[in-house]
Amino acid sequence: MHKKTIKVKMVAQTAVDVDAVTDVIRELGFDTDKVFIPNSETDGFTPASALIWYAAKRCYQAFGDGVNKNITKVRDDMAVYFENILRSGHGSVFEHASMSFSIEGVSRVFTGEMNRHRAGVAISEGSMRYIRLDDLGYWEPHSITEGQGGQLKEKMLGAGYTADAFDMMQGQTRKIFEDAFIEMENTQNKLNAIWDIDGDRLKTPGGFAAKKLLTSMFRRLVGMGVATGGTWTLNYRAVRHILQLRGSLHAEEEIYHVVEQMYHIVKEKEPLLFADFEEIEGKGLVPLYAKV
C-alpha cells in the first residue's frame, strides 16, 4: 500500500501540414504570396492554433479580399482574431485540434466523473481486469491531508467546529484510509494465494486467460479510491468545456485538482486559444466567454 501523487502531462498535440494548407488556399483562388499563413515559426502560433485559424478562415473564404466579395475586412492581429471567434461563439472550429493528456495516480472517483465527458473526448483507462491489484496505491484527498483541508475545513469551521477538532478528525480519517487500503491489499494477496495465481500451472499459455478471470473477480473487493490512470484525448472545445465545468470550486476536489493542472498546461501551450481563462481566488477557473 502506498500513497500516490497525481501527475498530469501533455503527451501529444495536433500537428498541421503547412504546405498542404497553402495548396488548398491557392486552389481556392488566393495569391498565397499575399496571404498570411501561420506556421511553427510564426510568433505566438502553435500547430493547433494554425489549424483552427485555417478552419475558421475557410468557413468564409476570409484569407484575403477579392475572392469572396462579401469580405471587406481581414483581421491581421491573431490575438484579436481568436478573441473574435470566442466572443462570437464560433466554437466548432476548436474541435479540429486536440491535446492528449497522461493522467496518473487518480482514483476511480475521478474517472467516474471525468469519463462522463464523452463529446470530443477519447479515453483509454488502465484495466482492472488485466492489471494485478496486489500493490494498491491511492491519492489522499486534500481535505484530510495534514496542514491542508481546503473547502471542507472552511465549511466545518463555519459550522462551529474548532481548528483543533478538525485536525483531530483529519488525523483519525487519514488512519482509517490507510487501514482500509492495507486491508484491501491484504485481501487481494490472500485471494492470489488461494488460487495460486503465480504458480507454475498458470504460467502456461492458457494460464493468462485464467489470471484475467481471477483478477476480474478479485477487483470487486477493491474500493473506488484505488489509484489508476490512462490517456485522455480532448479536442479544444471539450477542453474549454471541462475547464469551465470542473474548474469550478464546487467541483469534486480530485477532479478540480486534475483540471487545475490541465489548465496550467493549456495556458502555457496555447496562450491564444485560452487567453480568456483566469484562475480567480474564491471562484476557480473562469472564462470570459462561457459558451464557445
C-alpha atoms as a PDB file:
ATOM      1  CA  MET A   1       0.000   0.000   0.000  1.00  0.00           C
ATOM      2  CA  HIS A   2       1.344   3.417  -0.888  1.00  0.00           C
ATOM      3  CA  LYS A   3       0.140   6.963  -1.421  1.00  0.00           C
ATOM      4  CA  LYS A   4       0.170   8.392  -4.939  1.00  0.00           C
ATOM      5  CA  THR A   5       0.797  11.856  -6.330  1.00  0.00           C
ATOM      6  CA  ILE A   6      -1.461  12.846  -9.209  1.00  0.00           C
ATOM      7  CA  LYS A   7       0.547  13.801 -12.288  1.00  0.00           C
ATOM      8  CA  VAL A   8      -0.855  15.320 -15.476  1.00  0.00           C
ATOM      9  CA  LYS A   9       1.311  15.584 -18.592  1.00  0.00           C
ATOM     10  CA  MET A  10       0.584  16.549 -22.176  1.00  0.00           C
ATOM     11  CA  VAL A  11       1.812  13.643 -24.324  1.00  0.00           C
ATOM     12  CA  ALA A  12       0.544  14.640 -27.776  1.00  0.00           C
ATOM     13  CA  GLN A  13      -0.831  17.620 -29.653  1.00  0.00           C
ATOM     14  CA  THR A  14      -2.259  18.367 -33.087  1.00  0.00           C
ATOM     15  CA  ALA A  15       0.180  18.921 -35.941  1.00  0.00           C
ATOM     16  CA  VAL A  16      -0.574  20.715 -39.206  1.00  0.00           C
ATOM     17  CA  ASP A  17       0.827  20.329 -42.724  1.00  0.00           C
ATOM     18  CA  VAL A  18       1.521  23.933 -43.707  1.00  0.00           C
ATOM     19  CA  ASP A  19       2.354  23.011 -47.323  1.00  0.00           C
ATOM     20  CA  ALA A  20      -0.997  21.252 -47.766  1.00  0.00           C
ATOM     21  CA  VAL A  21      -2.857  24.177 -46.205  1.00  0.00           C
ATOM     22  CA  THR A  22      -1.040  26.560 -48.559  1.00  0.00           C
ATOM     23  CA  ASP A  23      -2.016  24.420 -51.565  1.00  0.00           C
ATOM     24  CA  VAL A  24      -5.699  24.472 -50.553  1.00  0.00           C
ATOM     25  CA  ILE A  25      -5.683  28.250 -50.096  1.00  0.00           C
ATOM     26  CA  ARG A  26      -4.051  28.637 -53.522  1.00  0.00           C
ATOM     27  CA  GLU A  27      -6.638  26.313 -55.104  1.00  0.00           C
ATOM     28  CA  LEU A  28      -9.380  28.470 -53.606  1.00  0.00           C
ATOM     29  CA  GLY A  29      -8.114  31.314 -55.760  1.00  0.00           C
ATOM     30  CA  PHE A  30      -5.905  33.296 -53.373  1.00  0.00           C
ATOM     31  CA  ASP A  31      -2.435  34.588 -54.117  1.00  0.00           C
ATOM     32  CA  THR A  32      -0.578  32.803 -51.311  1.00  0.00           C
ATOM     33  CA  ASP A  33       2.322  35.249 -51.617  1.00  0.00           C
ATOM     34  CA  LYS A  34      -0.069  37.897 -50.288  1.00  0.00           C
ATOM     35  CA  VAL A  35      -1.855  35.744 -47.678  1.00  0.00           C
ATOM     36  CA  PHE A  36      -0.624  35.409 -44.122  1.00  0.00           C
ATOM     37  CA  ILE A  37      -0.271  31.681 -43.426  1.00  0.00           C
ATOM     38  CA  PRO A  38       0.964  30.846 -39.917  1.00  0.00           C
ATOM     39  CA  ASN A  39       3.497  28.100 -39.328  1.00  0.00           C
ATOM     40  CA  SER A  40       5.531  26.773 -36.434  1.00  0.00           C
ATOM     41  CA  GLU A  41       7.900  29.731 -36.679  1.00  0.00           C
ATOM     42  CA  THR A  42       5.161  32.363 -36.611  1.00  0.00           C
ATOM     43  CA  ASP A  43       5.274  34.257 -33.337  1.00  0.00           C
ATOM     44  CA  GLY A  44       2.550  33.136 -30.948  1.00  0.00           C
ATOM     45  CA  PHE A  45       1.239  30.335 -33.154  1.00  0.00           C
ATOM     46  CA  THR A  46       1.189  26.619 -32.440  1.00  0.00           C
ATOM     47  CA  PRO A  47       0.246  23.881 -34.924  1.00  0.00           C
ATOM     48  CA  ALA A  48      -3.154  23.571 -33.223  1.00  0.00           C
ATOM     49  CA  SER A  49      -3.903  27.288 -33.359  1.00  0.00           C
ATOM     50  CA  ALA A  50      -2.758  27.362 -37.005  1.00  0.00           C
ATOM     51  CA  LEU A  51      -5.209  24.560 -37.827  1.00  0.00           C
ATOM     52  CA  ILE A  52      -8.043  26.369 -36.056  1.00  0.00           C
ATOM     53  CA  TRP A  53      -7.097  29.586 -37.871  1.00  0.00           C
ATOM     54  CA  TYR A  54      -7.293  27.741 -41.202  1.00  0.00           C
ATOM     55  CA  ALA A  55     -10.634  26.053 -40.406  1.00  0.00           C
ATOM     56  CA  ALA A  56     -12.205  29.339 -39.308  1.00  0.00           C
ATOM     57  CA  LYS A  57     -10.882  31.302 -42.274  1.00  0.00           C
ATOM     58  CA  ARG A  58     -12.065  28.616 -44.690  1.00  0.00           C
ATOM     59  CA  CYS A  59     -15.646  28.919 -43.425  1.00  0.00           C
ATOM     60  CA  TYR A  60     -15.899  32.381 -45.003  1.00  0.00           C
ATOM     61  CA  GLN A  61     -13.050  32.228 -47.532  1.00  0.00           C
ATOM     62  CA  ALA A  62     -11.557  35.022 -45.472  1.00  0.00           C
ATOM     63  CA  PHE A  63      -7.878  34.506 -46.239  1.00  0.00           C
ATOM     64  CA  GLY A  64      -7.852  37.826 -48.049  1.00  0.00           C
ATOM     65  CA  ASP A  65     -10.076  40.060 -50.137  1.00  0.00           C
ATOM     66  CA  GLY A  66     -11.060  39.632 -53.758  1.00  0.00           C
ATOM     67  CA  VAL A  67     -12.269  36.001 -53.765  1.00  0.00           C
ATOM     68  CA  ASN A  68     -15.337  36.232 -51.535  1.00  0.00           C
ATOM     69  CA  LYS A  69     -16.718  39.656 -52.414  1.00  0.00           C
ATOM     70  CA  ASN A  70     -18.672  39.768 -49.143  1.00  0.00           C
ATOM     71  CA  ILE A  71     -15.385  40.042 -47.265  1.00  0.00           C
ATOM     72  CA  THR A  72     -14.386  43.647 -46.676  1.00  0.00           C
ATOM     73  CA  LYS A  73     -12.223  43.232 -43.568  1.00  0.00           C
ATOM     74  CA  VAL A  74      -9.464  40.719 -42.870  1.00  0.00           C
ATOM     75  CA  ARG A  75      -8.072  40.668 -39.337  1.00  0.00           C
ATOM     76  CA  ASP A  76      -4.274  40.572 -39.267  1.00  0.00           C
ATOM     77  CA  ASP A  77      -3.854  40.631 -35.482  1.00  0.00           C
ATOM     78  CA  MET A  78      -4.230  36.979 -34.457  1.00  0.00           C
ATOM     79  CA  ALA A  79      -4.958  37.740 -30.792  1.00  0.00           C
ATOM     80  CA  VAL A  80      -7.847  39.923 -31.967  1.00  0.00           C
ATOM     81  CA  TYR A  81      -8.906  37.271 -34.482  1.00  0.00           C
ATOM     82  CA  PHE A  82      -9.139  34.472 -31.922  1.00  0.00           C
ATOM     83  CA  GLU A  83     -10.812  36.765 -29.419  1.00  0.00           C
ATOM     84  CA  ASN A  84     -13.467  37.445 -32.056  1.00  0.00           C
ATOM     85  CA  ILE A  85     -14.002  33.695 -32.534  1.00  0.00           C
ATOM     86  CA  LEU A  86     -14.506  33.258 -28.789  1.00  0.00           C
ATOM     87  CA  ARG A  87     -16.782  36.276 -28.490  1.00  0.00           C
ATOM     88  CA  SER A  88     -18.944  35.204 -31.422  1.00  0.00           C
ATOM     89  CA  GLY A  89     -19.300  31.631 -30.105  1.00  0.00           C
ATOM     90  CA  HIS A  90     -17.858  30.098 -33.271  1.00  0.00           C
ATOM     91  CA  GLY A  91     -16.574  27.217 -31.170  1.00  0.00           C
ATOM     92  CA  SER A  92     -16.976  24.428 -33.704  1.00  0.00           C
ATOM     93  CA  VAL A  93     -13.591  25.306 -35.203  1.00  0.00           C
ATOM     94  CA  PHE A  94     -11.959  24.389 -31.869  1.00  0.00           C
ATOM     95  CA  GLU A  95     -12.984  20.782 -32.453  1.00  0.00           C
ATOM     96  CA  HIS A  96     -10.365  20.289 -35.191  1.00  0.00           C
ATOM     97  CA  ALA A  97      -7.417  20.412 -32.789  1.00  0.00           C
ATOM     98  CA  SER A  98      -6.813  18.067 -29.891  1.00  0.00           C
ATOM     99  CA  MET A  99      -4.484  17.508 -26.971  1.00  0.00           C
ATOM    100  CA  SER A 100      -3.690  14.208 -25.256  1.00  0.00           C
ATOM    101  CA  PHE A 101      -3.090  14.045 -21.519  1.00  0.00           C
ATOM    102  CA  SER A 102      -1.479  11.309 -19.466  1.00  0.00           C
ATOM    103  CA  ILE A 103      -3.239  11.384 -16.097  1.00  0.00           C
ATOM    104  CA  GLU A 104      -1.786   9.077 -13.443  1.00  0.00           C
ATOM    105  CA  GLY A 105      -2.389   8.484  -9.750  1.00  0.00           C
ATOM    106  CA  VAL A 106      -6.090   9.323  -9.906  1.00  0.00           C
ATOM    107  CA  SER A 107      -8.870   7.255  -8.391  1.00  0.00           C
ATOM    108  CA  ARG A 108     -11.951   5.660  -9.856  1.00  0.00           C
ATOM    109  CA  VAL A 109     -13.796   8.536  -8.216  1.00  0.00           C
ATOM    110  CA  PHE A 110     -12.047  10.830 -10.693  1.00  0.00           C
ATOM    111  CA  THR A 111     -12.505   8.591 -13.736  1.00  0.00           C
ATOM    112  CA  GLY A 112     -16.165   8.043 -12.871  1.00  0.00           C
ATOM    113  CA  GLU A 113     -16.702  11.801 -13.221  1.00  0.00           C
ATOM    114  CA  MET A 114     -14.209  12.549 -15.979  1.00  0.00           C
ATOM    115  CA  ASN A 115     -15.451   9.753 -18.221  1.00  0.00           C
ATOM    116  CA  ARG A 116     -18.925  11.253 -18.266  1.00  0.00           C
ATOM    117  CA  HIS A 117     -17.459  13.785 -20.712  1.00  0.00           C
ATOM    118  CA  ARG A 118     -17.796  11.876 -23.978  1.00  0.00           C
ATOM    119  CA  ALA A 119     -18.314  14.529 -26.654  1.00  0.00           C
ATOM    120  CA  GLY A 120     -14.942  15.333 -28.185  1.00  0.00           C
ATOM    121  CA  VAL A 121     -13.103  13.015 -25.779  1.00  0.00           C
ATOM    122  CA  ALA A 122     -11.258   9.714 -26.339  1.00  0.00           C
ATOM    123  CA  ILE A 123     -10.472   7.606 -23.267  1.00  0.00           C
ATOM    124  CA  SER A 124      -8.054   4.730 -22.678  1.00  0.00           C
ATOM    125  CA  GLU A 125      -8.027   3.862 -18.983  1.00  0.00           C
ATOM    126  CA  GLY A 126      -5.964   1.309 -17.084  1.00  0.00           C
ATOM    127  CA  SER A 127      -7.807  -2.026 -16.992  1.00  0.00           C
ATOM    128  CA  MET A 128      -8.551  -3.515 -13.589  1.00  0.00           C
ATOM    129  CA  ARG A 129      -9.372  -6.716 -15.439  1.00  0.00           C
ATOM    130  CA  TYR A 130      -5.804  -7.167 -16.654  1.00  0.00           C
ATOM    131  CA  ILE A 131      -3.688  -5.288 -14.094  1.00  0.00           C
ATOM    132  CA  ARG A 132      -2.955  -7.149 -10.860  1.00  0.00           C
ATOM    133  CA  LEU A 133      -4.106  -5.272  -7.760  1.00  0.00           C
ATOM    134  CA  ASP A 134      -1.570  -6.625  -5.274  1.00  0.00           C
ATOM    135  CA  ASP A 135       0.156  -3.300  -4.568  1.00  0.00           C
ATOM    136  CA  LEU A 136      -2.571  -0.726  -4.060  1.00  0.00           C
ATOM    137  CA  GLY A 137      -1.936   2.989  -4.363  1.00  0.00           C
ATOM    138  CA  TYR A 138      -4.286   5.820  -3.520  1.00  0.00           C
ATOM    139  CA  TRP A 139      -4.439   9.586  -3.676  1.00  0.00           C
ATOM    140  CA  GLU A 140      -5.070  11.202  -0.316  1.00  0.00           C
ATOM    141  CA  PRO A 141      -7.776  13.882  -0.626  1.00  0.00           C
ATOM    142  CA  HIS A 142      -6.567  17.340   0.298  1.00  0.00           C
ATOM    143  CA  SER A 143      -9.483  17.609   2.694  1.00  0.00           C
ATOM    144  CA  ILE A 144      -7.714  15.147   5.023  1.00  0.00           C
ATOM    145  CA  THR A 145      -4.082  15.968   4.206  1.00  0.00           C
ATOM    146  CA  GLU A 146      -2.239  17.248   7.257  1.00  0.00           C
ATOM    147  CA  GLY A 147      -1.851  21.017   7.116  1.00  0.00           C
ATOM    148  CA  GLN A 148      -4.489  21.377   4.414  1.00  0.00           C
ATOM    149  CA  GLY A 149      -8.247  20.950   4.465  1.00  0.00           C
ATOM    150  CA  GLY A 150      -9.484  23.116   1.625  1.00  0.00           C
ATOM    151  CA  GLN A 151     -13.167  23.853   1.414  1.00  0.00           C
ATOM    152  CA  LEU A 152     -14.035  21.120   3.908  1.00  0.00           C
ATOM    153  CA  LYS A 153     -12.099  22.902   6.649  1.00  0.00           C
ATOM    154  CA  GLU A 154     -13.743  26.195   5.749  1.00  0.00           C
ATOM    155  CA  LYS A 155     -17.216  24.644   5.886  1.00  0.00           C
ATOM    156  CA  MET A 156     -16.571  22.768   9.137  1.00  0.00           C
ATOM    157  CA  LEU A 157     -15.189  25.848  10.877  1.00  0.00           C
ATOM    158  CA  GLY A 158     -18.172  27.767   9.571  1.00  0.00           C
ATOM    159  CA  ALA A 159     -20.428  25.155  11.143  1.00  0.00           C
ATOM    160  CA  GLY A 160     -18.890  25.775  14.576  1.00  0.00           C
ATOM    161  CA  TYR A 161     -16.075  23.206  14.792  1.00  0.00           C
ATOM    162  CA  THR A 162     -12.750  24.383  16.186  1.00  0.00           C
ATOM    163  CA  ALA A 163      -9.500  24.068  14.238  1.00  0.00           C
ATOM    164  CA  ASP A 164      -8.236  21.555  16.823  1.00  0.00           C
ATOM    165  CA  ALA A 165     -11.347  19.419  16.420  1.00  0.00           C
ATOM    166  CA  PHE A 166     -10.958  19.493  12.649  1.00  0.00           C
ATOM    167  CA  ASP A 167      -7.294  18.473  12.879  1.00  0.00           C
ATOM    168  CA  MET A 168      -8.235  15.578  15.154  1.00  0.00           C
ATOM    169  CA  MET A 169     -10.941  14.342  12.757  1.00  0.00           C
ATOM    170  CA  GLN A 170      -8.495  14.701   9.843  1.00  0.00           C
ATOM    171  CA  GLY A 171      -5.923  12.541  11.605  1.00  0.00           C
ATOM    172  CA  GLN A 172      -8.453   9.871  12.544  1.00  0.00           C
ATOM    173  CA  THR A 173      -9.754   9.772   8.971  1.00  0.00           C
ATOM    174  CA  ARG A 174      -6.251   9.500   7.487  1.00  0.00           C
ATOM    175  CA  LYS A 175      -5.627   6.479   9.719  1.00  0.00           C
ATOM    176  CA  ILE A 176      -8.883   4.842   8.597  1.00  0.00           C
ATOM    177  CA  PHE A 177      -7.924   5.438   4.951  1.00  0.00           C
ATOM    178  CA  GLU A 178      -4.531   3.832   5.495  1.00  0.00           C
ATOM    179  CA  ASP A 179      -6.006   0.858   7.365  1.00  0.00           C
ATOM    180  CA  ALA A 180      -8.664   0.341   4.687  1.00  0.00           C
ATOM    181  CA  PHE A 181      -6.135   0.206   1.840  1.00  0.00           C
ATOM    182  CA  ILE A 182      -3.838  -2.091   3.795  1.00  0.00           C
ATOM    183  CA  GLU A 183      -6.800  -4.414   4.398  1.00  0.00           C
ATOM    184  CA  MET A 184      -7.856  -4.318   0.727  1.00  0.00           C
ATOM    185  CA  GLU A 185      -4.304  -5.090  -0.370  1.00  0.00           C
ATOM    186  CA  ASN A 186      -4.068  -7.965   2.108  1.00  0.00           C
ATOM    187  CA  THR A 187      -7.375  -9.308   0.794  1.00  0.00           C
ATOM    188  CA  GLN A 188      -6.063  -9.286  -2.779  1.00  0.00           C
ATOM    189  CA  ASN A 189      -2.939 -11.161  -1.769  1.00  0.00           C
ATOM    190  CA  LYS A 190      -4.950 -13.722   0.209  1.00  0.00           C
ATOM    191  CA  LEU A 191      -7.040 -14.395  -2.892  1.00  0.00           C
ATOM    192  CA  ASN A 192      -3.902 -14.619  -5.020  1.00  0.00           C
ATOM    193  CA  ALA A 193      -2.564 -17.257  -2.618  1.00  0.00           C
ATOM    194  CA  ILE A 194      -5.804 -19.253  -2.514  1.00  0.00           C
ATOM    195  CA  TRP A 195      -5.842 -19.548  -6.308  1.00  0.00           C
ATOM    196  CA  ASP A 196      -2.038 -19.897  -6.608  1.00  0.00           C
ATOM    197  CA  ILE A 197      -2.164 -17.196  -9.269  1.00  0.00           C
ATOM    198  CA  ASP A 198       1.645 -17.125  -9.610  1.00  0.00           C
ATOM    199  CA  GLY A 199       2.029 -20.879  -9.570  1.00  0.00           C
ATOM    200  CA  ASP A 200       3.632 -22.914 -12.337  1.00  0.00           C
ATOM    201  CA  ARG A 201       0.333 -24.270 -13.623  1.00  0.00           C
ATOM    202  CA  LEU A 202      -0.845 -20.762 -14.593  1.00  0.00           C
ATOM    203  CA  LYS A 203       2.416 -19.953 -16.380  1.00  0.00           C
ATOM    204  CA  THR A 204       1.251 -21.996 -19.359  1.00  0.00           C
ATOM    205  CA  PRO A 205      -0.128 -20.248 -22.500  1.00  0.00           C
ATOM    206  CA  GLY A 206      -3.682 -20.875 -21.335  1.00  0.00           C
ATOM    207  CA  GLY A 207      -2.896 -19.593 -17.872  1.00  0.00           C
ATOM    208  CA  PHE A 208      -3.199 -15.964 -18.875  1.00  0.00           C
ATOM    209  CA  ALA A 209      -6.918 -16.358 -19.564  1.00  0.00           C
ATOM    210  CA  ALA A 210      -7.382 -17.845 -16.098  1.00  0.00           C
ATOM    211  CA  LYS A 211      -5.406 -14.993 -14.497  1.00  0.00           C
ATOM    212  CA  LYS A 212      -7.594 -12.475 -16.301  1.00  0.00           C
ATOM    213  CA  LEU A 213     -10.728 -14.151 -14.945  1.00  0.00           C
ATOM    214  CA  LEU A 214      -9.314 -14.235 -11.432  1.00  0.00           C
ATOM    215  CA  THR A 215      -8.142 -10.597 -11.497  1.00  0.00           C
ATOM    216  CA  SER A 216     -11.551  -9.522 -12.748  1.00  0.00           C
ATOM    217  CA  MET A 217     -13.237 -11.405  -9.932  1.00  0.00           C
ATOM    218  CA  PHE A 218     -10.862 -10.116  -7.236  1.00  0.00           C
ATOM    219  CA  ARG A 219     -11.277  -6.446  -8.219  1.00  0.00           C
ATOM    220  CA  ARG A 220     -14.790  -6.412  -6.773  1.00  0.00           C
ATOM    221  CA  LEU A 221     -13.224  -6.184  -3.327  1.00  0.00           C
ATOM    222  CA  VAL A 222     -11.277  -3.004  -4.092  1.00  0.00           C
ATOM    223  CA  GLY A 223     -12.772   0.429  -3.368  1.00  0.00           C
ATOM    224  CA  MET A 224     -13.226   3.326  -5.755  1.00  0.00           C
ATOM    225  CA  GLY A 225     -10.275   5.142  -4.215  1.00  0.00           C
ATOM    226  CA  VAL A 226      -7.699   2.788  -5.742  1.00  0.00           C
ATOM    227  CA  ALA A 227      -5.192   4.577  -7.973  1.00  0.00           C
ATOM    228  CA  THR A 228      -5.387   4.181 -11.728  1.00  0.00           C
ATOM    229  CA  GLY A 229      -4.511   6.211 -14.800  1.00  0.00           C
ATOM    230  CA  GLY A 230      -4.617   6.392 -18.559  1.00  0.00           C
ATOM    231  CA  THR A 231      -4.755   8.650 -21.579  1.00  0.00           C
ATOM    232  CA  TRP A 232      -7.438  11.218 -22.335  1.00  0.00           C
ATOM    233  CA  THR A 233      -7.512  12.996 -25.711  1.00  0.00           C
ATOM    234  CA  LEU A 234      -9.756  16.044 -25.915  1.00  0.00           C
ATOM    235  CA  ASN A 235     -10.498  18.419 -28.727  1.00  0.00           C
ATOM    236  CA  TYR A 236     -10.002  22.035 -27.719  1.00  0.00           C
ATOM    237  CA  ARG A 237     -13.696  22.785 -27.438  1.00  0.00           C
ATOM    238  CA  ALA A 238     -14.033  19.883 -24.991  1.00  0.00           C
ATOM    239  CA  VAL A 239     -11.002  21.161 -23.064  1.00  0.00           C
ATOM    240  CA  ARG A 240     -12.662  24.546 -22.647  1.00  0.00           C
ATOM    241  CA  HIS A 241     -15.937  22.945 -21.538  1.00  0.00           C
ATOM    242  CA  ILE A 242     -14.229  20.721 -18.956  1.00  0.00           C
ATOM    243  CA  LEU A 243     -12.070  23.549 -17.613  1.00  0.00           C
ATOM    244  CA  GLN A 244     -15.149  25.660 -17.067  1.00  0.00           C
ATOM    245  CA  LEU A 245     -17.348  22.930 -15.592  1.00  0.00           C
ATOM    246  CA  ARG A 246     -14.818  21.014 -13.479  1.00  0.00           C
ATOM    247  CA  GLY A 247     -12.684  24.052 -12.713  1.00  0.00           C
ATOM    248  CA  SER A 248     -15.425  25.456 -10.531  1.00  0.00           C
ATOM    249  CA  LEU A 249     -14.730  25.422  -6.801  1.00  0.00           C
ATOM    250  CA  HIS A 250     -17.989  23.490  -6.493  1.00  0.00           C
ATOM    251  CA  ALA A 251     -16.450  20.567  -8.399  1.00  0.00           C
ATOM    252  CA  GLU A 252     -15.336  17.384  -6.610  1.00  0.00           C
ATOM    253  CA  GLU A 253     -11.907  18.072  -5.130  1.00  0.00           C
ATOM    254  CA  GLU A 254      -9.925  15.426  -7.038  1.00  0.00           C
ATOM    255  CA  ILE A 255     -11.256  16.323 -10.467  1.00  0.00           C
ATOM    256  CA  TYR A 256     -10.645  20.002  -9.688  1.00  0.00           C
ATOM    257  CA  HIS A 257      -7.056  19.124  -8.751  1.00  0.00           C
ATOM    258  CA  VAL A 258      -6.566  17.380 -12.118  1.00  0.00           C
ATOM    259  CA  VAL A 259      -8.274  20.075 -14.169  1.00  0.00           C
ATOM    260  CA  GLU A 260      -6.226  22.788 -12.487  1.00  0.00           C
ATOM    261  CA  GLN A 261      -3.077  21.014 -13.707  1.00  0.00           C
ATOM    262  CA  MET A 262      -4.577  20.753 -17.202  1.00  0.00           C
ATOM    263  CA  TYR A 263      -5.336  24.471 -17.080  1.00  0.00           C
ATOM    264  CA  HIS A 264      -1.713  25.433 -16.428  1.00  0.00           C
ATOM    265  CA  ILE A 265      -0.603  23.202 -19.319  1.00  0.00           C
ATOM    266  CA  VAL A 266      -3.019  24.659 -21.869  1.00  0.00           C
ATOM    267  CA  LYS A 267      -2.375  28.237 -20.766  1.00  0.00           C
ATOM    268  CA  GLU A 268       1.331  27.694 -21.386  1.00  0.00           C
ATOM    269  CA  LYS A 269       0.964  25.666 -24.591  1.00  0.00           C
ATOM    270  CA  GLU A 270      -1.925  27.555 -26.213  1.00  0.00           C
ATOM    271  CA  PRO A 271      -1.975  31.162 -24.947  1.00  0.00           C
ATOM    272  CA  LEU A 272      -4.010  32.405 -27.921  1.00  0.00           C
ATOM    273  CA  LEU A 273      -6.771  29.828 -27.572  1.00  0.00           C
ATOM    274  CA  PHE A 274      -7.205  30.036 -23.787  1.00  0.00           C
ATOM    275  CA  ALA A 275      -6.367  33.688 -23.265  1.00  0.00           C
ATOM    276  CA  ASP A 276      -9.789  34.443 -21.773  1.00  0.00           C
ATOM    277  CA  PHE A 277      -9.438  31.945 -18.888  1.00  0.00           C
ATOM    278  CA  GLU A 278      -8.346  33.171 -15.479  1.00  0.00           C
ATOM    279  CA  GLU A 279      -7.844  31.442 -12.146  1.00  0.00           C
ATOM    280  CA  ILE A 280      -9.731  33.607  -9.681  1.00  0.00           C
ATOM    281  CA  GLU A 281      -9.449  33.126  -5.928  1.00  0.00           C
ATOM    282  CA  GLY A 282     -12.750  32.033  -4.461  1.00  0.00           C
ATOM    283  CA  LYS A 283     -14.180  31.097  -7.875  1.00  0.00           C
ATOM    284  CA  GLY A 284     -11.757  28.774  -9.627  1.00  0.00           C
ATOM    285  CA  LEU A 285     -11.198  28.724 -13.387  1.00  0.00           C
ATOM    286  CA  VAL A 286     -13.342  31.353 -15.064  1.00  0.00           C
ATOM    287  CA  PRO A 287     -13.541  32.072 -18.830  1.00  0.00           C
ATOM    288  CA  LEU A 288     -14.590  35.426 -20.196  1.00  0.00           C
ATOM    289  CA  TYR A 289     -16.548  33.561 -22.889  1.00  0.00           C
ATOM    290  CA  ALA A 290     -18.501  30.802 -21.212  1.00  0.00           C
ATOM    291  CA  LYS A 291     -20.178  29.311 -24.279  1.00  0.00           C
ATOM    292  CA  VAL A 292     -17.931  28.828 -27.295  1.00  0.00           C
END
